[in-house]
Amino acid sequence: MTVQPQLTKNQDLVFGVLKRSEGPLSAYVILDRLRDHGFRAPLQVYRALDKLLEKGLVHRLESLNAFVACAHSGESCCDHGIVAFAICNACGHVMEFHDHAVDHRLGDWTRTHGFKAEKTTIEIRGLCAACAA
């Protein structure tokens, strides 16, 4: 079991907003939700998000420019390999998943080509089962 890293007050507040959210949130939506907790500037949110990303507790969805809490309920995602997301274009639902076959295949490719990957995010956009029905 992974122990959750120590969080500052602002990191804990931002992480809490993302954990309670039904879907991905932009930094500005997070700021609006935390105004009553003393947040006044986007920089406060971005600093907290940067540290939470570093700790593997949240993920940035590049295609949405938004953030979600890691699906591993408080654990860091750092040891789970490549993180992938299925994002529904209709309802906005985001499903986080890992596929070890994809991890291995991409790892093989980077080694073969001498490429030093720094970050890998896979986003699949489409319709979830409920919206496709």
Protein backbone atom coordinates (compact mmCIF):
# COMPACT_ATOMS: atom_id res chain seq x y z
CA MET A 1 0.00 0.00 0.00
CA THR A 2 1.32 3.42 -0.95
CA VAL A 3 1.31 6.14 1.70
CA GLN A 4 -0.06 9.46 0.51
CA PRO A 5 2.67 12.13 0.48
CA GLN A 6 2.43 15.07 2.87
CA LEU A 7 0.42 17.88 1.34
CA THR A 8 0.36 21.57 2.12
CA LYS A 9 -2.98 23.15 2.99
CA ASN A 10 -3.44 24.49 -0.57
CA GLN A 11 -2.45 21.17 -2.15
CA ASP A 12 -4.90 19.33 0.10
CA LEU A 13 -7.72 21.75 -0.79
CA VAL A 14 -7.07 21.46 -4.54
CA PHE A 15 -6.75 17.67 -4.29
CA GLY A 16 -10.03 17.52 -2.35
CA VAL A 17 -11.88 19.50 -5.02
CA LEU A 18 -10.61 17.15 -7.72
CA LYS A 19 -11.43 14.01 -5.72
CA ARG A 20 -15.02 15.18 -5.16
CA SER A 21 -15.51 16.27 -8.77
CA GLU A 22 -17.66 14.25 -11.17
CA GLY A 23 -15.32 15.10 -14.04
CA PRO A 24 -12.22 17.00 -15.11
CA LEU A 25 -11.81 20.60 -13.91
CA SER A 26 -9.85 23.54 -15.27
CA ALA A 27 -7.61 25.52 -12.94
CA TYR A 28 -10.08 28.41 -13.10
CA VAL A 29 -13.02 26.23 -12.03
CA ILE A 30 -10.89 24.97 -9.13
CA LEU A 31 -10.10 28.59 -8.23
CA ASP A 32 -13.82 29.48 -8.22
CA ARG A 33 -14.60 26.52 -5.94
CA LEU A 34 -11.86 27.53 -3.49
CA ARG A 35 -12.49 31.29 -3.23
CA ASP A 36 -14.19 30.79 0.15
CA HIS A 37 -10.99 29.10 1.36
CA GLY A 38 -8.80 32.12 0.63
CA PHE A 39 -7.78 31.37 -2.95
CA ARG A 40 -7.58 34.64 -4.88
CA ALA A 41 -5.22 34.05 -7.82
CA PRO A 42 -4.77 31.34 -10.45
CA LEU A 43 -1.11 31.06 -9.43
CA GLN A 44 -2.17 29.54 -6.09
CA VAL A 45 -4.04 26.78 -7.93
CA TYR A 46 -1.28 26.22 -10.50
CA ARG A 47 1.40 25.89 -7.81
CA ALA A 48 -0.68 23.29 -5.96
CA LEU A 49 -1.47 21.44 -9.20
CA ASP A 50 2.22 21.36 -10.18
CA LYS A 51 3.12 19.67 -6.89
CA LEU A 52 0.17 17.26 -7.08
CA LEU A 53 1.22 16.32 -10.62
CA GLU A 54 4.79 15.81 -9.40
CA LYS A 55 3.53 13.51 -6.63
CA GLY A 56 1.39 11.53 -9.09
CA LEU A 57 -1.86 12.35 -7.31
CA VAL A 58 -3.51 14.17 -10.21
CA HIS A 59 -3.31 14.02 -13.99
CA ARG A 60 -3.53 16.73 -16.62
CA LEU A 61 -5.74 15.91 -19.57
CA GLU A 62 -3.90 17.67 -22.38
CA SER A 63 -6.79 17.67 -24.86
CA LEU A 64 -9.14 19.32 -22.32
CA ASN A 65 -6.58 21.50 -20.51
CA ALA A 66 -8.13 20.14 -17.32
CA PHE A 67 -7.17 18.03 -14.32
CA VAL A 68 -8.49 14.89 -12.63
CA ALA A 69 -7.57 13.11 -9.41
CA CYS A 70 -5.75 9.83 -9.90
CA ALA A 71 -8.19 6.91 -9.92
CA HIS A 72 -6.09 5.03 -7.36
CA SER A 73 -7.90 6.63 -4.39
CA GLY A 74 -5.14 8.62 -2.78
CA GLU A 75 -2.23 6.57 -4.07
CA SER A 76 0.42 7.92 -6.38
CA CYS A 77 0.26 6.70 -9.97
CA CYS A 78 4.03 6.83 -10.40
CA ASP A 79 4.54 3.06 -10.19
CA HIS A 80 1.64 1.98 -12.39
CA GLY A 81 3.29 2.58 -15.77
CA ILE A 82 1.79 4.61 -18.57
CA VAL A 83 -1.53 6.20 -17.71
CA ALA A 84 -4.27 6.23 -20.33
CA PHE A 85 -7.64 7.96 -20.37
CA ALA A 86 -10.86 7.29 -22.25
CA ILE A 87 -12.76 10.58 -22.46
CA CYS A 88 -16.41 10.68 -23.51
CA ASN A 89 -17.13 13.57 -25.89
CA ALA A 90 -20.83 13.54 -24.99
CA CYS A 91 -21.03 13.33 -21.17
CA GLY A 92 -17.43 14.21 -20.28
CA HIS A 93 -16.85 11.08 -18.21
CA VAL A 94 -13.17 10.17 -17.86
CA MET A 95 -11.98 6.61 -17.29
CA GLU A 96 -8.36 6.10 -16.22
CA PHE A 97 -6.75 2.78 -17.09
CA HIS A 98 -3.43 1.00 -17.49
CA ASP A 99 -2.48 -1.59 -20.06
CA HIS A 100 0.78 -3.42 -19.48
CA ALA A 101 0.93 -4.58 -23.11
CA VAL A 102 0.93 -0.93 -24.22
CA ASP A 103 3.58 -0.14 -21.56
CA HIS A 104 5.82 -2.89 -22.90
CA ARG A 105 5.28 -2.02 -26.56
CA LEU A 106 6.07 1.67 -26.04
CA GLY A 107 9.03 0.76 -23.83
CA ASP A 108 10.38 -1.50 -26.57
CA TRP A 109 9.98 1.25 -29.15
CA THR A 110 11.78 3.87 -27.04
CA ARG A 111 14.68 1.49 -26.31
CA THR A 112 14.99 0.45 -29.96
CA HIS A 113 15.08 4.06 -31.14
CA GLY A 114 17.22 5.38 -28.27
CA PHE A 115 14.45 7.80 -27.34
CA LYS A 116 14.40 9.03 -23.73
CA ALA A 117 10.73 9.54 -22.91
CA GLU A 118 10.01 12.12 -20.23
CA LYS A 119 6.24 11.93 -20.19
CA THR A 120 3.64 9.74 -21.85
CA THR A 121 -0.08 10.43 -21.76
CA ILE A 122 -2.58 8.53 -23.85
CA GLU A 123 -6.02 10.04 -24.38
CA ILE A 124 -8.73 8.26 -26.32
CA ARG A 125 -11.66 10.49 -27.27
CA GLY A 126 -15.03 9.06 -28.24
CA LEU A 127 -18.29 7.90 -26.67
CA CYS A 128 -18.62 5.90 -23.47
CA ALA A 129 -20.83 2.79 -23.51
CA ALA A 130 -23.81 4.68 -22.05
CA CYS A 131 -23.66 7.52 -24.57
CA ALA A 132 -23.00 5.20 -27.51
CA ALA A 133 -26.10 3.12 -26.70
